[in-house]
Amino acid sequence: QVQLVESGGGLVQAGGSLRLSCAASGSMSSIVRMGWYRQAPGKQRELVATITRGGVTDYAASVKGRFTISRDKNTVYLQMNSLKPEDTAVYLCNTKCNVNGVGIVDYWGQGTQVTVSS
């Protein structure tokens, strides 16, 4: 089991910055990848950025060059710069864990709201 607690969302003007944090606890040795997803009203959940256990990162095309994902021990961060109104969404932290006898299991945080005003 892995528990995730997010923080750092809020309201910001277009062009501004926010930093999201996701603190993980529990069975840390089973984590294969951590990442951030987002879901805007009426839209499907979409992947924003991921970072593997080995530190390999990947980004959605829409955020590449503006967002940076990083990890420090048990916490994963999402630095968001040059924010746009279309970045407005609930941002959810995700981990993929390799659970013995089960395989890959997804764990989710509760989500944090990011609102970008124009």
C-alpha atoms as a PDB file:
ATOM      1  CA  GLN A   1       0.000   0.000   0.000  1.00  0.00           C
ATOM      2  CA  VAL A   2       1.123   3.530  -0.805  1.00  0.00           C
ATOM      3  CA  GLN A   3      -0.523   6.694   0.470  1.00  0.00           C
ATOM      4  CA  LEU A   4      -0.219   9.972  -1.418  1.00  0.00           C
ATOM      5  CA  VAL A   5      -0.839  13.475  -0.095  1.00  0.00           C
ATOM      6  CA  GLU A   6      -0.779  16.395  -2.510  1.00  0.00           C
ATOM      7  CA  SER A   7      -0.345  20.094  -1.838  1.00  0.00           C
ATOM      8  CA  GLY A   8       0.450  23.316  -3.648  1.00  0.00           C
ATOM      9  CA  GLY A   9      -2.567  23.988  -5.825  1.00  0.00           C
ATOM     10  CA  GLY A  10      -4.289  27.334  -5.984  1.00  0.00           C
ATOM     11  CA  LEU A  11      -5.307  30.299  -8.097  1.00  0.00           C
ATOM     12  CA  VAL A  12      -2.760  32.045 -10.290  1.00  0.00           C
ATOM     13  CA  GLN A  13      -2.832  34.482 -13.190  1.00  0.00           C
ATOM     14  CA  ALA A  14      -1.854  33.402 -16.673  1.00  0.00           C
ATOM     15  CA  GLY A  15       1.911  33.439 -17.031  1.00  0.00           C
ATOM     16  CA  GLY A  16       2.424  32.662 -13.377  1.00  0.00           C
ATOM     17  CA  SER A  17       3.912  29.641 -11.635  1.00  0.00           C
ATOM     18  CA  LEU A  18       2.880  27.028  -9.111  1.00  0.00           C
ATOM     19  CA  ARG A  19       4.669  24.095  -7.545  1.00  0.00           C
ATOM     20  CA  LEU A  20       2.776  20.953  -6.640  1.00  0.00           C
ATOM     21  CA  SER A  21       4.071  18.421  -4.135  1.00  0.00           C
ATOM     22  CA  CYS A  22       3.072  14.824  -3.544  1.00  0.00           C
ATOM     23  CA  ALA A  23       4.359  13.084  -0.448  1.00  0.00           C
ATOM     24  CA  ALA A  24       4.305   9.310  -0.590  1.00  0.00           C
ATOM     25  CA  SER A  25       4.346   6.902   2.331  1.00  0.00           C
ATOM     26  CA  GLY A  26       3.999   3.181   2.753  1.00  0.00           C
ATOM     27  CA  SER A  27       5.610   0.509   0.621  1.00  0.00           C
ATOM     28  CA  MET A  28       8.091   2.778  -1.142  1.00  0.00           C
ATOM     29  CA  SER A  29      10.268  -0.030  -2.472  1.00  0.00           C
ATOM     30  CA  SER A  30       7.470  -1.200  -4.740  1.00  0.00           C
ATOM     31  CA  ILE A  31       7.146   2.109  -6.613  1.00  0.00           C
ATOM     32  CA  VAL A  32       7.985   1.797 -10.303  1.00  0.00           C
ATOM     33  CA  ARG A  33       6.879   5.221 -11.498  1.00  0.00           C
ATOM     34  CA  MET A  34       5.346   8.393 -10.092  1.00  0.00           C
ATOM     35  CA  GLY A  35       3.503  11.031 -12.015  1.00  0.00           C
ATOM     36  CA  TRP A  36       0.889  13.707 -12.301  1.00  0.00           C
ATOM     37  CA  TYR A  37      -2.400  13.565 -14.152  1.00  0.00           C
ATOM     38  CA  ARG A  38      -5.053  16.233 -14.514  1.00  0.00           C
ATOM     39  CA  GLN A  39      -8.754  16.336 -15.147  1.00  0.00           C
ATOM     40  CA  ALA A  40     -10.687  19.396 -16.230  1.00  0.00           C
ATOM     41  CA  PRO A  41     -14.500  19.591 -15.977  1.00  0.00           C
ATOM     42  CA  GLY A  42     -16.145  17.599 -18.749  1.00  0.00           C
ATOM     43  CA  LYS A  43     -12.850  16.209 -19.980  1.00  0.00           C
ATOM     44  CA  GLN A  44     -11.041  12.915 -19.639  1.00  0.00           C
ATOM     45  CA  ARG A  45      -8.178  12.507 -17.223  1.00  0.00           C
ATOM     46  CA  GLU A  46      -4.883  13.097 -19.002  1.00  0.00           C
ATOM     47  CA  LEU A  47      -1.286  12.344 -18.178  1.00  0.00           C
ATOM     48  CA  VAL A  48       0.822  15.429 -17.489  1.00  0.00           C
ATOM     49  CA  ALA A  49       4.255  14.147 -16.497  1.00  0.00           C
ATOM     50  CA  THR A  50       5.930  11.030 -15.128  1.00  0.00           C
ATOM     51  CA  ILE A  51       9.226  10.087 -13.555  1.00  0.00           C
ATOM     52  CA  THR A  52      10.479   6.531 -13.238  1.00  0.00           C
ATOM     53  CA  ARG A  53      12.323   4.982 -10.340  1.00  0.00           C
ATOM     54  CA  GLY A  54      15.488   5.525 -12.342  1.00  0.00           C
ATOM     55  CA  GLY A  55      14.748   9.207 -12.921  1.00  0.00           C
ATOM     56  CA  VAL A  56      13.580   9.072 -16.544  1.00  0.00           C
ATOM     57  CA  THR A  57      10.977  11.753 -17.195  1.00  0.00           C
ATOM     58  CA  ASP A  58       8.229  12.129 -19.762  1.00  0.00           C
ATOM     59  CA  TYR A  59       5.791  14.960 -20.481  1.00  0.00           C
ATOM     60  CA  ALA A  60       2.595  15.603 -22.339  1.00  0.00           C
ATOM     61  CA  ALA A  61       3.227  17.677 -25.436  1.00  0.00           C
ATOM     62  CA  SER A  62       1.010  20.446 -24.077  1.00  0.00           C
ATOM     63  CA  VAL A  63       3.241  21.050 -21.050  1.00  0.00           C
ATOM     64  CA  LYS A  64       6.696  20.231 -22.403  1.00  0.00           C
ATOM     65  CA  GLY A  65       9.063  23.121 -21.826  1.00  0.00           C
ATOM     66  CA  ARG A  66       6.798  24.687 -19.197  1.00  0.00           C
ATOM     67  CA  PHE A  67       6.442  21.983 -16.541  1.00  0.00           C
ATOM     68  CA  THR A  68       9.189  20.073 -14.759  1.00  0.00           C
ATOM     69  CA  ILE A  69       8.717  16.905 -12.736  1.00  0.00           C
ATOM     70  CA  SER A  70      11.273  15.926 -10.120  1.00  0.00           C
ATOM     71  CA  ARG A  71      11.600  13.594  -7.181  1.00  0.00           C
ATOM     72  CA  ASP A  72      13.379  13.910  -3.870  1.00  0.00           C
ATOM     73  CA  LYS A  73      13.241  10.769  -1.743  1.00  0.00           C
ATOM     74  CA  ASN A  74       9.550  10.180  -1.043  1.00  0.00           C
ATOM     75  CA  THR A  75       8.199  13.357  -2.597  1.00  0.00           C
ATOM     76  CA  VAL A  76       7.481  14.129  -6.236  1.00  0.00           C
ATOM     77  CA  TYR A  77       7.166  17.714  -7.423  1.00  0.00           C
ATOM     78  CA  LEU A  78       5.614  19.384 -10.426  1.00  0.00           C
ATOM     79  CA  GLN A  79       6.994  22.845 -11.155  1.00  0.00           C
ATOM     80  CA  MET A  80       4.567  24.608 -13.450  1.00  0.00           C
ATOM     81  CA  ASN A  81       5.700  27.782 -15.213  1.00  0.00           C
ATOM     82  CA  SER A  82       4.081  29.975 -17.861  1.00  0.00           C
ATOM     83  CA  LEU A  83       0.686  28.720 -16.822  1.00  0.00           C
ATOM     84  CA  LYS A  84      -2.220  29.078 -19.222  1.00  0.00           C
ATOM     85  CA  PRO A  85      -5.979  29.100 -18.571  1.00  0.00           C
ATOM     86  CA  GLU A  86      -6.187  25.721 -20.298  1.00  0.00           C
ATOM     87  CA  ASP A  87      -4.003  24.272 -17.536  1.00  0.00           C
ATOM     88  CA  THR A  88      -6.918  24.711 -15.141  1.00  0.00           C
ATOM     89  CA  ALA A  89      -7.832  21.307 -13.719  1.00  0.00           C
ATOM     90  CA  VAL A  90      -7.688  19.046 -10.708  1.00  0.00           C
ATOM     91  CA  TYR A  91      -4.170  17.652 -10.588  1.00  0.00           C
ATOM     92  CA  LEU A  92      -3.784  14.128  -9.235  1.00  0.00           C
ATOM     93  CA  CYS A  93      -0.648  12.399  -8.081  1.00  0.00           C
ATOM     94  CA  ASN A  94      -0.232   8.799  -9.190  1.00  0.00           C
ATOM     95  CA  THR A  95       2.131   5.967  -8.414  1.00  0.00           C
ATOM     96  CA  LYS A  96       2.491   2.661 -10.187  1.00  0.00           C
ATOM     97  CA  CYS A  97       3.622  -0.045  -7.803  1.00  0.00           C
ATOM     98  CA  ASN A  98       4.816  -3.550  -8.473  1.00  0.00           C
ATOM     99  CA  VAL A  99       2.906  -5.596  -5.915  1.00  0.00           C
ATOM    100  CA  ASN A 100       4.064  -9.164  -5.304  1.00  0.00           C
ATOM    101  CA  GLY A 101       1.590 -11.678  -6.687  1.00  0.00           C
ATOM    102  CA  VAL A 102      -0.629  -8.972  -8.164  1.00  0.00           C
ATOM    103  CA  GLY A 103       1.388  -7.013 -10.685  1.00  0.00           C
ATOM    104  CA  ILE A 104       1.222  -3.278 -11.349  1.00  0.00           C
ATOM    105  CA  VAL A 105      -1.206  -1.420  -9.077  1.00  0.00           C
ATOM    106  CA  ASP A 106      -2.163   2.270  -9.368  1.00  0.00           C
ATOM    107  CA  TYR A 107      -2.504   4.491  -6.316  1.00  0.00           C
ATOM    108  CA  TRP A 108      -3.975   8.000  -6.447  1.00  0.00           C
ATOM    109  CA  GLY A 109      -3.898  11.088  -4.322  1.00  0.00           C
ATOM    110  CA  GLN A 110      -7.012  13.078  -3.507  1.00  0.00           C
ATOM    111  CA  GLY A 111      -6.249  15.784  -6.062  1.00  0.00           C
ATOM    112  CA  THR A 112      -5.437  19.470  -5.814  1.00  0.00           C
ATOM    113  CA  GLN A 113      -7.179  22.238  -7.751  1.00  0.00           C
ATOM    114  CA  VAL A 114      -5.167  24.484 -10.048  1.00  0.00           C
ATOM    115  CA  THR A 115      -6.996  27.474 -11.495  1.00  0.00           C
ATOM    116  CA  VAL A 116      -5.351  29.815 -13.992  1.00  0.00           C
ATOM    117  CA  SER A 117      -7.146  33.084 -14.660  1.00  0.00           C
ATOM    118  CA  SER A 118      -6.775  34.987 -17.917  1.00  0.00           C
END
